[in-house]
Amino acid sequence: MNIVDLEHPTVSNRPVEEEAQKKKRRRVFLAMTGFLLGIYLFFSFLFSDMGLVNYLRLGQTARNLEAEIAALKKENDRLREEVDDLKTDPQTIERLARERLGMAREGDTVFQFEKTPPSR
């Protein structure tokens, strides 16, 4: 039986050490690649065209547009009522003729006031 001196081996461990270093470099390379890929995916998730930041901005824009649409619908309803009143209600027609056109009924007394410039 041969006794092997473990402290001073005659056989070199160099190939085993090189293999261990290769494995270690490979693990470091894979870890760095995974880390960089993770960073890329994270920033893509946040800032790409379909990212979270753009999604939130589009949501706010949609809410603003919905509010504007609701206000315009309300204004349209008011204007439709005014048009209906102008078509069917003689009192509305008379009121607008007096207010906007300065018209008066026969027999009405009209008072006209002159605007005087403010005194200094």
Protein backbone atom coordinates (compact mmCIF):
# COMPACT_ATOMS: atom_id res chain seq x y z
CA MET A 1 0.00 0.00 0.00
CA ASN A 2 1.30 3.42 -0.92
CA ILE A 3 1.21 6.26 1.50
CA VAL A 4 0.54 9.62 -0.06
CA ASP A 5 1.96 12.74 1.49
CA LEU A 6 -1.01 15.12 1.51
CA GLU A 7 1.04 18.17 2.44
CA HIS A 8 3.47 17.69 -0.44
CA PRO A 9 1.69 15.75 -3.12
CA THR A 10 3.68 14.68 -6.07
CA VAL A 11 0.62 14.90 -8.29
CA SER A 12 -0.39 18.45 -9.15
CA ASN A 13 -3.90 19.72 -8.22
CA ARG A 14 -3.62 22.39 -10.88
CA PRO A 15 -6.33 20.98 -13.23
CA VAL A 16 -8.74 20.70 -10.29
CA GLU A 17 -7.99 24.29 -9.20
CA GLU A 18 -8.42 25.58 -12.75
CA GLU A 19 -11.73 23.77 -13.03
CA ALA A 20 -12.88 25.30 -9.72
CA GLN A 21 -11.88 28.76 -10.96
CA LYS A 22 -13.76 28.20 -14.23
CA LYS A 23 -16.88 27.19 -12.29
CA LYS A 24 -16.53 30.22 -10.04
CA ARG A 25 -16.11 32.58 -13.05
CA ARG A 26 -19.09 30.95 -14.73
CA ARG A 27 -21.22 31.45 -11.58
CA VAL A 28 -20.13 35.09 -11.31
CA PHE A 29 -20.85 35.64 -15.00
CA LEU A 30 -24.31 34.08 -14.70
CA ALA A 31 -25.05 36.07 -11.55
CA MET A 32 -24.01 39.35 -13.21
CA THR A 33 -25.97 38.51 -16.36
CA GLY A 34 -29.05 37.71 -14.27
CA PHE A 35 -28.60 40.89 -12.24
CA LEU A 36 -28.28 43.06 -15.37
CA LEU A 37 -31.23 41.32 -16.98
CA GLY A 38 -33.26 41.93 -13.83
CA ILE A 39 -32.37 45.64 -13.85
CA TYR A 40 -33.30 45.87 -17.54
CA LEU A 41 -36.66 44.16 -16.94
CA PHE A 42 -37.38 46.36 -13.90
CA PHE A 43 -36.77 49.59 -15.80
CA SER A 44 -38.67 48.27 -18.81
CA PHE A 45 -41.60 47.49 -16.54
CA LEU A 46 -41.56 51.03 -15.17
CA PHE A 47 -40.59 53.24 -18.09
CA SER A 48 -41.32 51.51 -21.42
CA ASP A 49 -44.19 52.49 -23.73
CA MET A 50 -46.38 49.96 -21.95
CA GLY A 51 -44.73 50.50 -18.56
CA LEU A 52 -46.28 51.34 -15.22
CA VAL A 53 -45.51 55.08 -15.39
CA ASN A 54 -47.16 55.41 -18.79
CA TYR A 55 -50.10 53.28 -17.61
CA LEU A 56 -50.70 55.59 -14.65
CA ARG A 57 -50.40 58.69 -16.85
CA LEU A 58 -52.90 57.24 -19.34
CA GLY A 59 -55.28 56.43 -16.49
CA GLN A 60 -55.18 60.05 -15.31
CA THR A 61 -55.73 61.27 -18.87
CA ALA A 62 -58.73 58.94 -19.22
CA ARG A 63 -60.25 60.26 -15.97
CA ASN A 64 -59.74 63.85 -17.13
CA LEU A 65 -61.38 63.10 -20.48
CA GLU A 66 -64.31 61.37 -18.79
CA ALA A 67 -64.86 64.43 -16.59
CA GLU A 68 -64.69 66.69 -19.65
CA ILE A 69 -67.17 64.47 -21.50
CA ALA A 70 -69.58 64.60 -18.55
CA ALA A 71 -69.35 68.41 -18.45
CA LEU A 72 -69.94 68.65 -22.21
CA LYS A 73 -72.96 66.34 -21.99
CA LYS A 74 -74.38 68.51 -19.23
CA GLU A 75 -73.81 71.63 -21.36
CA ASN A 76 -75.45 69.90 -24.37
CA ASP A 77 -78.50 69.05 -22.28
CA ARG A 78 -78.78 72.66 -21.11
CA LEU A 79 -78.49 73.95 -24.68
CA ARG A 80 -81.10 71.44 -25.91
CA GLU A 81 -83.50 72.69 -23.25
CA GLU A 82 -82.82 76.27 -24.30
CA VAL A 83 -83.47 75.40 -27.97
CA ASP A 84 -86.71 73.61 -27.03
CA ASP A 85 -87.79 76.64 -24.99
CA LEU A 86 -87.02 78.96 -27.90
CA LYS A 87 -89.07 76.78 -30.24
CA THR A 88 -92.09 76.35 -27.99
CA ASP A 89 -92.21 78.95 -25.16
CA PRO A 90 -93.29 82.48 -26.15
CA GLN A 91 -92.23 83.89 -22.76
CA THR A 92 -88.65 82.71 -23.34
CA ILE A 93 -88.62 84.31 -26.78
CA GLU A 94 -89.95 87.59 -25.34
CA ARG A 95 -87.42 87.57 -22.48
CA LEU A 96 -84.49 87.02 -24.85
CA ALA A 97 -85.78 89.70 -27.24
CA ARG A 98 -85.88 92.19 -24.38
CA GLU A 99 -82.50 91.19 -22.90
CA ARG A 100 -80.43 90.69 -26.02
CA LEU A 101 -82.10 92.88 -28.62
CA GLY A 102 -83.37 95.73 -26.43
CA MET A 103 -86.93 95.31 -27.66
CA ALA A 104 -90.02 96.48 -25.74
CA ARG A 105 -93.73 95.77 -25.90
CA GLU A 106 -96.11 98.29 -27.22
CA GLY A 107 -97.08 100.54 -24.32
CA ASP A 108 -93.94 99.80 -22.24
CA THR A 109 -92.04 102.76 -20.90
CA VAL A 110 -88.37 102.48 -21.76
CA PHE A 111 -85.77 104.22 -19.66
CA GLN A 112 -82.35 104.79 -21.16
CA PHE A 113 -79.45 105.80 -18.98
CA GLU A 114 -76.35 107.38 -20.34
CA LYS A 115 -73.06 106.19 -19.11
CA THR A 116 -71.10 109.07 -17.67
CA PRO A 117 -67.38 108.85 -17.28
CA PRO A 118 -66.24 108.64 -13.67
CA SER A 119 -65.40 112.00 -12.17
CA ARG A 120 -61.82 112.65 -11.28
